[in-house]
Amino acid sequence: MGLTKSDKERTDRQYSEKGENVIMSKTKKGKRNVIVGQSGGPTAAINSSLAGVFRTAKDRGYAKVYGMIHGIQGFMEGRYVDL
């Protein structure tokens, strides 16, 4: 599963205070999606910040929240999961 060229053109990359990559996009129907990528191993801080990104995205009305597999490299190769 990967983003189409037109999807990539609509993405807006942002970084959270803790340095995660958070990419938000609007689909053709106007529904918004978020994808988040983190680096490092699973720790309490990373798990907590990921939960915060997920909860905030849902609270703000984003349709889907995706997680990158292997960070930006995985994202560029279309590797991510629906959280």
Protein backbone atom coordinates (compact mmCIF):
# COMPACT_ATOMS: atom_id res chain seq x y z
CA MET A 1 0.00 0.00 0.00
CA GLY A 2 1.56 3.32 -1.01
CA LEU A 3 0.62 6.90 -1.64
CA THR A 4 -0.04 7.95 -5.21
CA LYS A 5 1.85 10.87 -6.70
CA SER A 6 -1.17 13.14 -6.20
CA ASP A 7 -1.40 12.01 -2.54
CA LYS A 8 2.27 12.90 -2.00
CA GLU A 9 1.67 16.34 -3.49
CA ARG A 10 -1.05 16.97 -0.89
CA THR A 11 1.00 15.91 2.13
CA ASP A 12 2.19 18.41 4.68
CA ARG A 13 5.03 17.18 6.85
CA GLN A 14 5.15 18.41 10.39
CA TYR A 15 7.23 17.46 13.37
CA SER A 16 5.90 17.09 16.87
CA GLU A 17 7.67 18.50 19.90
CA LYS A 18 9.35 15.13 20.50
CA GLY A 19 10.70 14.89 16.96
CA GLU A 20 8.37 12.31 15.41
CA ASN A 21 7.58 12.70 11.75
CA VAL A 22 3.89 13.46 11.46
CA ILE A 23 2.56 13.76 7.94
CA MET A 24 -0.96 14.95 7.36
CA SER A 25 -2.85 14.85 4.09
CA LYS A 26 -6.29 15.49 2.65
CA THR A 27 -7.91 12.91 0.44
CA LYS A 28 -9.95 13.81 -2.61
CA LYS A 29 -13.12 13.70 -0.51
CA GLY A 30 -11.64 16.14 2.02
CA LYS A 31 -11.11 13.57 4.78
CA ARG A 32 -7.76 13.98 6.44
CA ASN A 33 -5.18 11.31 7.25
CA VAL A 34 -2.09 11.26 9.46
CA ILE A 35 1.03 9.11 9.23
CA VAL A 36 3.59 9.02 12.02
CA GLY A 37 7.11 7.62 12.10
CA GLN A 38 9.48 7.31 15.03
CA SER A 39 13.04 6.16 15.43
CA GLY A 40 14.52 4.06 18.17
CA GLY A 41 13.28 1.02 19.98
CA PRO A 42 10.03 0.64 21.90
CA THR A 43 10.27 2.64 25.11
CA ALA A 44 7.72 4.16 27.45
CA ALA A 45 8.40 7.61 25.97
CA ILE A 46 7.98 6.48 22.35
CA ASN A 47 4.88 4.44 23.15
CA SER A 48 3.38 7.37 25.04
CA SER A 49 4.11 9.90 22.31
CA LEU A 50 2.67 7.57 19.65
CA ALA A 51 -0.49 7.17 21.72
CA GLY A 52 -0.66 10.97 21.99
CA VAL A 53 -0.35 11.43 18.22
CA PHE A 54 -3.06 8.82 17.64
CA ARG A 55 -5.46 10.28 20.21
CA THR A 56 -4.92 13.87 19.05
CA ALA A 57 -5.47 12.92 15.40
CA LYS A 58 -8.72 11.14 16.22
CA ASP A 59 -9.88 13.98 18.50
CA ARG A 60 -9.25 16.46 15.67
CA GLY A 61 -11.29 14.45 13.20
CA TYR A 62 -8.63 12.75 11.09
CA ALA A 63 -10.08 9.79 9.21
CA LYS A 64 -7.08 7.45 9.42
CA VAL A 65 -3.87 7.25 11.40
CA TYR A 66 -1.03 5.28 9.79
CA GLY A 67 2.31 4.22 11.23
CA MET A 68 5.49 4.07 9.15
CA ILE A 69 7.39 0.80 9.08
CA HIS A 70 11.14 1.52 9.25
CA GLY A 71 10.70 5.31 9.32
CA ILE A 72 11.00 7.60 6.33
CA GLN A 73 12.70 4.95 4.19
CA GLY A 74 9.76 2.61 4.73
CA PHE A 75 7.31 5.40 4.00
CA MET A 76 9.02 6.21 0.70
CA GLU A 77 8.79 2.52 -0.19
CA GLY A 78 5.07 2.46 0.69
CA ARG A 79 5.49 0.46 3.90
CA TYR A 80 3.07 1.58 6.60
CA VAL A 81 0.18 0.18 8.65
CA ASP A 82 -3.26 1.46 9.61
CA LEU A 83 -3.14 2.06 13.35
